[in-house]
Amino acid sequence: MATKTAPINMRVEPSVRDIIDAAASLMKLDRTVFIQKAALAEAHEVISNHRDFILAEQAYDAFEQALTAEPIKDKGMNELLNRKSPWE
C-alpha cells in the first residue's frame, strides 16, 4: 500500500523563510523536512507535557498516598445520589 501525503501550506515573512532555510541548510535538510521535523518534535513535546509529569520524591509519595487512600464518604453526596429523581 502506498503512503499518502497530506499537504500543509503556510505563508511566512521572507525573513522567516530565510532563517528556516539557513537552519535547514546547516542540518543538510530541505525546508520541508526541516519544518516537518521541528513541528513534529514540538508536537511530541506538547503532548508529553500534557500527559507525563515528573514529581519530586516527596510530592510523588503524597500523590501515591492520595491515589491509594480510601475515598472520603460524603454524606450529602450519598443522599443526593440515593434521592429519587423528580420524574420518578
N, C-alpha and C. Protein backbone atom coordinates (compact mmCIF):
# COMPACT_ATOMS: atom_id res chain seq x y z
N MET A 1 0.85 -1.18 0.00
CA MET A 1 0.00 0.00 0.00
C MET A 1 0.89 1.24 0.00
N ALA A 2 0.59 2.18 -0.88
CA ALA A 2 1.39 3.40 -1.00
C ALA A 2 1.11 4.34 0.17
N THR A 3 2.14 5.03 0.58
CA THR A 3 1.98 6.03 1.63
C THR A 3 1.44 7.31 1.01
N LYS A 4 0.40 7.84 1.62
CA LYS A 4 -0.18 9.09 1.12
C LYS A 4 0.39 10.25 1.91
N THR A 5 0.45 11.38 1.27
CA THR A 5 0.91 12.58 1.96
C THR A 5 -0.23 13.57 2.05
N ALA A 6 -0.19 14.38 3.07
CA ALA A 6 -1.20 15.41 3.26
C ALA A 6 -0.50 16.76 3.22
N PRO A 7 -0.94 17.65 2.35
CA PRO A 7 -0.27 18.95 2.27
C PRO A 7 -0.58 19.84 3.47
N ILE A 8 0.42 20.59 3.87
CA ILE A 8 0.27 21.64 4.88
C ILE A 8 0.88 22.89 4.26
N ASN A 9 0.07 23.88 4.05
CA ASN A 9 0.55 25.11 3.42
C ASN A 9 0.54 26.25 4.44
N MET A 10 1.54 27.11 4.35
CA MET A 10 1.58 28.27 5.24
C MET A 10 2.31 29.40 4.55
N ARG A 11 1.99 30.59 4.97
CA ARG A 11 2.67 31.78 4.47
C ARG A 11 3.47 32.38 5.62
N VAL A 12 4.70 32.75 5.32
CA VAL A 12 5.56 33.39 6.32
C VAL A 12 6.26 34.58 5.67
N GLU A 13 6.76 35.45 6.51
CA GLU A 13 7.56 36.58 6.02
C GLU A 13 8.83 36.03 5.36
N PRO A 14 9.30 36.70 4.33
CA PRO A 14 10.55 36.24 3.68
C PRO A 14 11.71 36.09 4.66
N SER A 15 11.79 36.96 5.65
CA SER A 15 12.89 36.87 6.63
C SER A 15 12.78 35.59 7.45
N VAL A 16 11.55 35.16 7.76
CA VAL A 16 11.35 33.90 8.49
C VAL A 16 11.78 32.73 7.61
N ARG A 17 11.37 32.75 6.35
CA ARG A 17 11.76 31.70 5.42
C ARG A 17 13.27 31.62 5.29
N ASP A 18 13.92 32.78 5.24
CA ASP A 18 15.39 32.79 5.10
C ASP A 18 16.07 32.16 6.30
N ILE A 19 15.57 32.44 7.49
CA ILE A 19 16.15 31.84 8.70
C ILE A 19 15.93 30.34 8.70
N ILE A 20 14.72 29.91 8.33
CA ILE A 20 14.43 28.47 8.25
C ILE A 20 15.34 27.80 7.23
N ASP A 21 15.49 28.44 6.07
CA ASP A 21 16.36 27.87 5.04
C ASP A 21 17.80 27.78 5.50
N ALA A 22 18.28 28.80 6.23
CA ALA A 22 19.66 28.77 6.73
C ALA A 22 19.85 27.62 7.72
N ALA A 23 18.88 27.45 8.62
CA ALA A 23 18.98 26.37 9.61
C ALA A 23 18.88 25.01 8.92
N ALA A 24 17.98 24.89 7.96
CA ALA A 24 17.83 23.63 7.22
C ALA A 24 19.12 23.28 6.49
N SER A 25 19.72 24.29 5.90
CA SER A 25 20.97 24.08 5.17
C SER A 25 22.08 23.60 6.11
N LEU A 26 22.15 24.19 7.31
CA LEU A 26 23.15 23.75 8.28
C LEU A 26 22.95 22.29 8.68
N MET A 27 21.69 21.87 8.70
CA MET A 27 21.38 20.47 9.05
C MET A 27 21.41 19.56 7.83
N LYS A 28 21.69 20.14 6.66
CA LYS A 28 21.71 19.41 5.39
C LYS A 28 20.35 18.76 5.10
N LEU A 29 19.29 19.54 5.34
CA LEU A 29 17.93 19.10 5.09
C LEU A 29 17.25 20.10 4.17
N ASP A 30 16.25 19.64 3.44
CA ASP A 30 15.48 20.62 2.69
C ASP A 30 14.47 21.28 3.62
N ARG A 31 13.89 22.37 3.18
CA ARG A 31 12.99 23.16 4.02
C ARG A 31 11.83 22.32 4.54
N THR A 32 11.22 21.52 3.68
CA THR A 32 10.06 20.73 4.08
C THR A 32 10.42 19.74 5.19
N VAL A 33 11.51 19.03 5.02
CA VAL A 33 11.92 18.06 6.04
C VAL A 33 12.28 18.77 7.33
N PHE A 34 12.98 19.90 7.24
CA PHE A 34 13.35 20.65 8.43
C PHE A 34 12.11 21.10 9.20
N ILE A 35 11.15 21.69 8.49
CA ILE A 35 9.93 22.16 9.16
C ILE A 35 9.15 20.99 9.74
N GLN A 36 9.08 19.89 8.99
CA GLN A 36 8.35 18.72 9.47
C GLN A 36 8.98 18.18 10.75
N LYS A 37 10.31 18.06 10.77
CA LYS A 37 10.99 17.55 11.97
C LYS A 37 10.79 18.48 13.16
N ALA A 38 10.90 19.79 12.92
CA ALA A 38 10.75 20.76 14.00
C ALA A 38 9.32 20.75 14.54
N ALA A 39 8.36 20.72 13.65
CA ALA A 39 6.96 20.72 14.09
C ALA A 39 6.62 19.43 14.82
N LEU A 40 7.11 18.31 14.33
CA LEU A 40 6.84 17.03 14.96
C LEU A 40 7.48 16.96 16.35
N ALA A 41 8.70 17.46 16.48
CA ALA A 41 9.36 17.47 17.79
C ALA A 41 8.56 18.33 18.78
N GLU A 42 8.10 19.49 18.33
CA GLU A 42 7.32 20.37 19.19
C GLU A 42 5.99 19.72 19.56
N ALA A 43 5.35 19.06 18.60
CA ALA A 43 4.08 18.38 18.86
C ALA A 43 4.26 17.29 19.91
N HIS A 44 5.32 16.51 19.79
CA HIS A 44 5.59 15.47 20.79
C HIS A 44 5.82 16.08 22.16
N GLU A 45 6.54 17.19 22.21
CA GLU A 45 6.81 17.87 23.48
C GLU A 45 5.51 18.36 24.12
N VAL A 46 4.65 18.98 23.34
CA VAL A 46 3.38 19.48 23.87
C VAL A 46 2.53 18.33 24.40
N ILE A 47 2.43 17.26 23.63
CA ILE A 47 1.63 16.10 24.06
C ILE A 47 2.23 15.49 25.33
N SER A 48 3.53 15.36 25.36
CA SER A 48 4.20 14.80 26.53
C SER A 48 3.96 15.66 27.76
N ASN A 49 4.01 16.97 27.60
CA ASN A 49 3.80 17.86 28.74
C ASN A 49 2.39 17.80 29.28
N HIS A 50 1.46 17.36 28.46
CA HIS A 50 0.08 17.25 28.91
C HIS A 50 -0.26 15.85 29.40
N ARG A 51 0.61 14.91 29.16
CA ARG A 51 0.35 13.52 29.54
C ARG A 51 1.26 13.05 30.66
N ASP A 52 2.51 13.38 30.59
CA ASP A 52 3.50 12.93 31.57
C ASP A 52 3.89 14.09 32.47
N PHE A 53 4.18 13.78 33.70
CA PHE A 53 4.69 14.81 34.59
C PHE A 53 5.67 14.17 35.56
N ILE A 54 6.58 14.98 36.04
CA ILE A 54 7.63 14.50 36.95
C ILE A 54 7.43 15.17 38.30
N LEU A 55 7.49 14.37 39.34
CA LEU A 55 7.34 14.89 40.70
C LEU A 55 8.58 14.59 41.51
N ALA A 56 8.88 15.49 42.43
CA ALA A 56 9.93 15.21 43.41
C ALA A 56 9.47 14.02 44.26
N GLU A 57 10.39 13.36 44.91
CA GLU A 57 10.07 12.13 45.65
C GLU A 57 8.98 12.37 46.69
N GLN A 58 9.07 13.46 47.44
CA GLN A 58 8.09 13.74 48.48
C GLN A 58 6.71 13.99 47.86
N ALA A 59 6.67 14.74 46.77
CA ALA A 59 5.39 15.01 46.09
C ALA A 59 4.82 13.73 45.49
N TYR A 60 5.70 12.87 44.95
CA TYR A 60 5.23 11.61 44.39
C TYR A 60 4.63 10.72 45.49
N ASP A 61 5.29 10.68 46.64
CA ASP A 61 4.77 9.88 47.75
C ASP A 61 3.39 10.37 48.17
N ALA A 62 3.21 11.69 48.24
CA ALA A 62 1.90 12.24 48.61
C ALA A 62 0.86 11.91 47.54
N PHE A 63 1.26 11.99 46.28
CA PHE A 63 0.36 11.66 45.17
C PHE A 63 -0.04 10.19 45.23
N GLU A 64 0.92 9.33 45.44
CA GLU A 64 0.67 7.88 45.55
C GLU A 64 -0.26 7.57 46.72
N GLN A 65 -0.03 8.24 47.83
CA GLN A 65 -0.87 8.03 49.02
C GLN A 65 -2.31 8.48 48.74
N ALA A 66 -2.47 9.60 48.05
CA ALA A 66 -3.81 10.09 47.72
C ALA A 66 -4.53 9.12 46.79
N LEU A 67 -3.79 8.49 45.89
CA LEU A 67 -4.41 7.54 44.95
C LEU A 67 -4.85 6.25 45.64
N THR A 68 -4.10 5.84 46.65
CA THR A 68 -4.39 4.55 47.29
C THR A 68 -5.26 4.69 48.54
N ALA A 69 -5.49 5.90 49.00
CA ALA A 69 -6.29 6.12 50.22
C ALA A 69 -7.76 5.76 49.97
N GLU A 70 -8.41 5.37 51.05
CA GLU A 70 -9.86 5.11 50.98
C GLU A 70 -10.57 6.40 50.59
N PRO A 71 -11.56 6.31 49.73
CA PRO A 71 -12.30 7.52 49.38
C PRO A 71 -13.03 8.09 50.59
N ILE A 72 -13.12 9.39 50.64
CA ILE A 72 -13.84 10.05 51.73
C ILE A 72 -15.33 9.93 51.45
N LYS A 73 -16.06 9.47 52.47
CA LYS A 73 -17.51 9.32 52.30
C LYS A 73 -18.16 10.66 52.62
N ASP A 74 -18.93 11.13 51.67
CA ASP A 74 -19.61 12.41 51.81
C ASP A 74 -21.10 12.14 51.98
N LYS A 75 -21.61 12.41 53.17
CA LYS A 75 -22.99 12.12 53.49
C LYS A 75 -23.94 12.83 52.52
N GLY A 76 -23.67 14.09 52.24
CA GLY A 76 -24.52 14.85 51.32
C GLY A 76 -24.53 14.26 49.93
N MET A 77 -23.38 13.80 49.46
CA MET A 77 -23.30 13.20 48.13
C MET A 77 -24.06 11.89 48.10
N ASN A 78 -23.92 11.08 49.16
CA ASN A 78 -24.67 9.82 49.23
C ASN A 78 -26.17 10.07 49.19
N GLU A 79 -26.63 11.08 49.95
CA GLU A 79 -28.06 11.41 49.95
C GLU A 79 -28.52 11.86 48.57
N LEU A 80 -27.71 12.68 47.94
CA LEU A 80 -28.06 13.16 46.59
C LEU A 80 -28.17 12.02 45.60
N LEU A 81 -27.21 11.12 45.62
CA LEU A 81 -27.21 10.02 44.66
C LEU A 81 -28.30 8.99 44.94
N ASN A 82 -28.76 8.92 46.18
CA ASN A 82 -29.81 7.96 46.52
C ASN A 82 -31.21 8.57 46.46
N ARG A 83 -31.29 9.87 46.22
CA ARG A 83 -32.57 10.57 46.15
C ARG A 83 -33.28 10.21 44.84
N LYS A 84 -34.60 10.05 44.91
CA LYS A 84 -35.38 9.79 43.70
C LYS A 84 -35.38 11.04 42.83
N SER A 85 -35.33 10.83 41.55
CA SER A 85 -35.43 11.94 40.61
C SER A 85 -36.85 12.50 40.63
N PRO A 86 -37.04 13.77 40.34
CA PRO A 86 -38.39 14.36 40.36
C PRO A 86 -39.36 13.66 39.40
N TRP A 87 -38.85 13.09 38.34
CA TRP A 87 -39.75 12.45 37.35
C TRP A 87 -40.04 10.98 37.68
N GLU A 88 -39.44 10.48 38.76
CA GLU A 88 -39.71 9.08 39.13
C GLU A 88 -40.93 8.98 40.02
